[in-house]
Amino acid sequence: MSKLLSHDDYQKLAADFRPRTQLFIDGTFVDAQSGKTFDDVSPRDGKVIAQVAEGDAADIDLAVKAARRAFEKGSWANMAPAKRKRVLLAFAEKLREHRNELALLESLDMGKPIRDAFSVDVMSSANCIQWHAEAIDKVYDEVAPSGPDALGLITREPIGVVAAVVPWNFPMMMAAWKLGPALATGNSVIVKPAEQSPLSMLRVAELAVEAGLPEGVLNVVPGFGPTAGKALGVHPDVDCIAFTGSGEVGKLFLQYSGQSNMKRVWLEAGGKTPNIVMADVPDLDKAAQHAAMGIFFNQGEVCTAASRLVVQESIREEMIEKIMTIGETMQPGDPIDPATKMGAIVDEEQMKRILGYIEKGQQEGATLRMGGEQVRRNEGGFYVAPTVFDGVKNDMTIAREEIFGPVLSVISVKDEEEAVKVANDTSYGLAASIWTRDITKAHRMARAVKAGSVWVNCWDGGDMTMPFGGFKQSGNGRDKSLHAMDKYTEIKATWIDLT
């Protein structure tokens, strides 16, 4: 099924919903050794949709051993690059073939609109796997510029066993950003999905084996951070952690590395994106559309959410009015209705957290211009209206902390210098947008803003060719592009004496 279905069709599929719920280790679905399960609750209606096996340290150890066996056996790591490419291309195609099934899993599990899961999450995941597959036999090693009496070889080798700990906001896509380069370079991988959204990755692992990935190369262990996550972090036979999530948990993984085998730790730890709109913006309507999408898309549960609108005072009111008009068309609806533009918050805890930030914003003196409340209470799910605060100061809590919800903070500035100062006055540095018709100003501001991605006259620009990652406490390392492969390989220098 390659086309978006109707609301009725998705409702029927949801009624017959029978997802995979066991751990996936060494090519087989198995129960947790403890026999424990946990309730997987859909934010759509607050109902339990599945009881998922709860992996802990014992299960992590089994998965690591399976991954290590597969790696040392060499059935994947030593496979000819062209053949490894064919398997990953088949894997990407499997994701596309099961597009509606995977989209439904994402939508029911974490509440995102199914039209976004269908067109963005599944397709971006497949495209990422395909892109890295295509790169496998096109990336060369190096020969050092030595004299005639020696030969210096600089080669890249797979690092070994990679643990990917991924968040709940884009369960498949964040995993794919790690699986693509890690598998392409010959590693074995263990994925620990967030406990709020484990279902899609279990199905993805099954499809990977169907596509020809050898058993043990990809394992998926749902579980909780303090047990399964920590077990990966301190395991002496895990060579690399690739993590996307909060800075608080990211710092724990750095500690786990130091307490164990000094495994590589790569982090993407969120952001507080400044969306800077100068008075000479080339298209105010476009800027407003991107600003609204930048904070309301995926319910604002996006690491690069444009949560700080840093706008020049002369156009502030007009910009706010346009954003609120767009926001009115993005009121939350049933996530599995293709007409829905904004879905449910991932769980009750996150919804309460967002509402707490909204209350804090009002207490600290910001002006609530739109939204600010829970909606669709009768549905039993977790929904928050698109929310806009005006009169925000950059030292307010809502301007400094990552809310991960549909809450926009509008901060007015008088000029370019103040805009850059406000943009950089944060512990984060993941992304920034700059809107101006002056190319010289755009270059100047892009260089001045401390962020891993800077988008000019757009929000969330780029494709798989562009690296993605942060400055400062937004993390280290890069996903996407050829640079992502650096994280999952070791450089070996071989010097051959020819005398």
Foldseek 3Di string as FASTA:
>chain_A
DQDADFLVVLVVCLVVDDFQAAWQAQNDGDAAPVNAWDFQAFLLFRHGSDTHHAHFLVVLVRLLVLQQVCLVVCPQQVPDLLVLLQLLLLLLVLLSVCLQVLLSLLCRLFWAASLCSRPPQSNQLSVLLNVLSVCLVVDDWDWDPDDPQKTKTKDKGFQEEEEEEEESLRQRNSVSLQCNLNSSRRYAYEYEYELSRQGSVVVSVNSSVVSPDGGSSYIYHYHHCVTSVLSQLQPQSHQEYEYEEALVVLVVSCVSLVNHVVHHYFYQHAFLAEAEEEPQFPDLLLSLVQLLCLQQASQNQDRNRNQEHEYAPVCQVVSVVSNVVVLVCQFEDRSHHNSHRHTFGSAPVLLVLLLVLLVQCVVVPWAKDDWSDFPPVVSNRHGGGQTETEPDDCPGPSNADRSSGNYHYYHHDNDDVVSQVSQQPYQWAFEYEYGHPDVVSVVVSVVSHQHPYYHYSHGPDDGLQGWGFTPGSSTDFTGGHPSNSVSRIDIDMDMGRND
